[in-house]
Amino acid sequence: MDVPYTAIFLVLLLVYLAYSVWARLDGRYPIGAALALLVVTAVVDAAGDTNAANSLAEFVFFLLAGGVVLLLIEHVRDRPSPAGAAPSRPAAPKSPAAQPTEEPKGPAD
């Protein structure tokens, strides 16, 4: 009996993508995983196992597609809202360097 590795991978990837959207994880993680798997694919192909390299290349494609979808969702989510609408998330606090500094005090008497 053949194990449907591609179907299992797609189900796990979809579960990860849903969790990533919910938890607001960085959308670049699947793209980084795709690049690492692409290197593994090249090594496997150089070793002479073309069928395994082709299967890994499919996984690379799915990871890249999932990463692009996550980046698009991040882009839409972080887009500034129209005037008068409530912001989608609270504004980040200003850094201490951006706050006005106190005026220098003169020498003490």
Protein backbone atom coordinates (compact mmCIF):
# COMPACT_ATOMS: atom_id res chain seq x y z
CA MET A 1 0.00 0.00 0.00
CA ASP A 2 1.43 3.36 -1.04
CA VAL A 3 1.40 6.13 1.52
CA PRO A 4 -0.01 9.40 0.08
CA TYR A 5 2.84 11.62 1.28
CA THR A 6 1.74 14.58 -0.81
CA ALA A 7 -1.79 14.53 0.64
CA ILE A 8 -0.44 14.22 4.19
CA PHE A 9 1.98 17.11 3.57
CA LEU A 10 -0.80 19.30 2.17
CA VAL A 11 -3.07 18.63 5.15
CA LEU A 12 -0.28 19.44 7.60
CA LEU A 13 0.62 22.57 5.63
CA LEU A 14 -2.99 23.78 5.63
CA VAL A 15 -3.22 23.21 9.38
CA TYR A 16 0.00 25.20 9.84
CA LEU A 17 -1.24 28.01 7.59
CA ALA A 18 -4.50 28.29 9.55
CA TYR A 19 -2.60 28.34 12.85
CA SER A 20 -0.13 30.85 11.47
CA VAL A 21 -2.93 33.24 10.49
CA TRP A 22 -4.59 32.82 13.88
CA ALA A 23 -1.38 33.24 15.90
CA ARG A 24 0.01 35.96 13.59
CA LEU A 25 3.25 34.08 12.95
CA ASP A 26 5.76 35.45 10.48
CA GLY A 27 4.77 34.52 6.92
CA ARG A 28 8.39 34.07 5.91
CA TYR A 29 8.79 30.81 7.83
CA PRO A 30 7.38 28.57 5.06
CA ILE A 31 9.53 30.37 2.51
CA GLY A 32 12.65 29.72 4.61
CA ALA A 33 11.64 26.07 4.92
CA ALA A 34 11.15 25.93 1.15
CA LEU A 35 14.65 27.27 0.55
CA ALA A 36 16.15 24.71 2.93
CA LEU A 37 14.17 21.92 1.26
CA LEU A 38 15.30 23.18 -2.14
CA VAL A 39 18.91 22.62 -1.10
CA VAL A 40 18.01 19.12 0.07
CA THR A 41 16.26 18.53 -3.27
CA ALA A 42 19.41 19.49 -5.16
CA VAL A 43 21.52 17.12 -3.04
CA VAL A 44 19.05 14.26 -3.56
CA ASP A 45 18.99 14.92 -7.31
CA ALA A 46 22.79 15.00 -7.43
CA ALA A 47 22.83 11.65 -5.63
CA GLY A 48 20.84 10.22 -8.51
CA ASP A 49 17.36 9.74 -7.02
CA THR A 50 15.32 11.73 -9.54
CA ASN A 51 11.91 10.48 -8.36
CA ALA A 52 12.54 11.58 -4.77
CA ALA A 53 13.89 14.93 -6.00
CA ASN A 54 10.72 15.49 -8.02
CA SER A 55 8.55 14.73 -4.98
CA LEU A 56 10.59 17.12 -2.84
CA ALA A 57 10.28 19.78 -5.54
CA GLU A 58 6.48 19.51 -5.23
CA PHE A 59 6.80 20.11 -1.49
CA VAL A 60 8.99 23.14 -2.18
CA PHE A 61 6.31 24.53 -4.49
CA PHE A 62 3.58 24.04 -1.88
CA LEU A 63 5.68 25.72 0.82
CA LEU A 64 6.41 28.70 -1.43
CA ALA A 65 2.74 29.04 -2.34
CA GLY A 66 1.72 28.88 1.32
CA GLY A 67 4.34 31.48 2.24
CA VAL A 68 3.10 33.85 -0.44
CA VAL A 69 -0.48 33.43 0.79
CA LEU A 70 0.62 34.21 4.35
CA LEU A 71 2.54 37.29 3.20
CA LEU A 72 -0.52 38.52 1.30
CA ILE A 73 -2.68 38.04 4.38
CA GLU A 74 -0.13 39.96 6.49
CA HIS A 75 -0.08 42.75 3.93
CA VAL A 76 -3.86 43.09 3.92
CA ARG A 77 -4.06 42.84 7.71
CA ASP A 78 -1.40 45.51 8.30
CA ARG A 79 -2.74 47.93 5.72
CA PRO A 80 -3.71 51.29 7.25
CA SER A 81 -7.43 51.58 7.81
CA PRO A 82 -9.49 54.27 6.07
CA ALA A 83 -10.11 57.54 7.92
CA GLY A 84 -12.62 57.20 10.74
CA ALA A 85 -12.33 53.41 11.02
CA ALA A 86 -11.01 51.74 14.12
CA PRO A 87 -7.44 50.41 13.84
CA SER A 88 -7.08 46.64 13.47
CA ARG A 89 -4.56 46.46 16.31
CA PRO A 90 -3.24 48.92 18.88
CA ALA A 91 -0.46 51.28 17.94
CA ALA A 92 3.03 50.33 19.03
CA PRO A 93 4.50 52.43 21.84
CA LYS A 94 7.03 55.02 20.80
CA SER A 95 10.66 54.28 21.38
CA PRO A 96 12.45 56.28 24.08
CA ALA A 97 14.65 57.89 21.43
CA ALA A 98 11.59 59.39 19.72
CA GLN A 99 10.30 61.09 22.87
CA PRO A 100 11.29 64.71 23.51
CA THR A 101 14.27 65.15 25.74
CA GLU A 102 14.47 67.42 28.75
CA GLU A 103 16.19 70.72 28.29
CA PRO A 104 19.70 70.80 29.71
CA LYS A 105 19.88 72.38 33.14
CA GLY A 106 22.34 75.14 33.90
CA PRO A 107 25.11 74.82 36.48
CA ALA A 108 23.93 74.55 40.07
CA ASP A 109 24.59 77.56 42.35
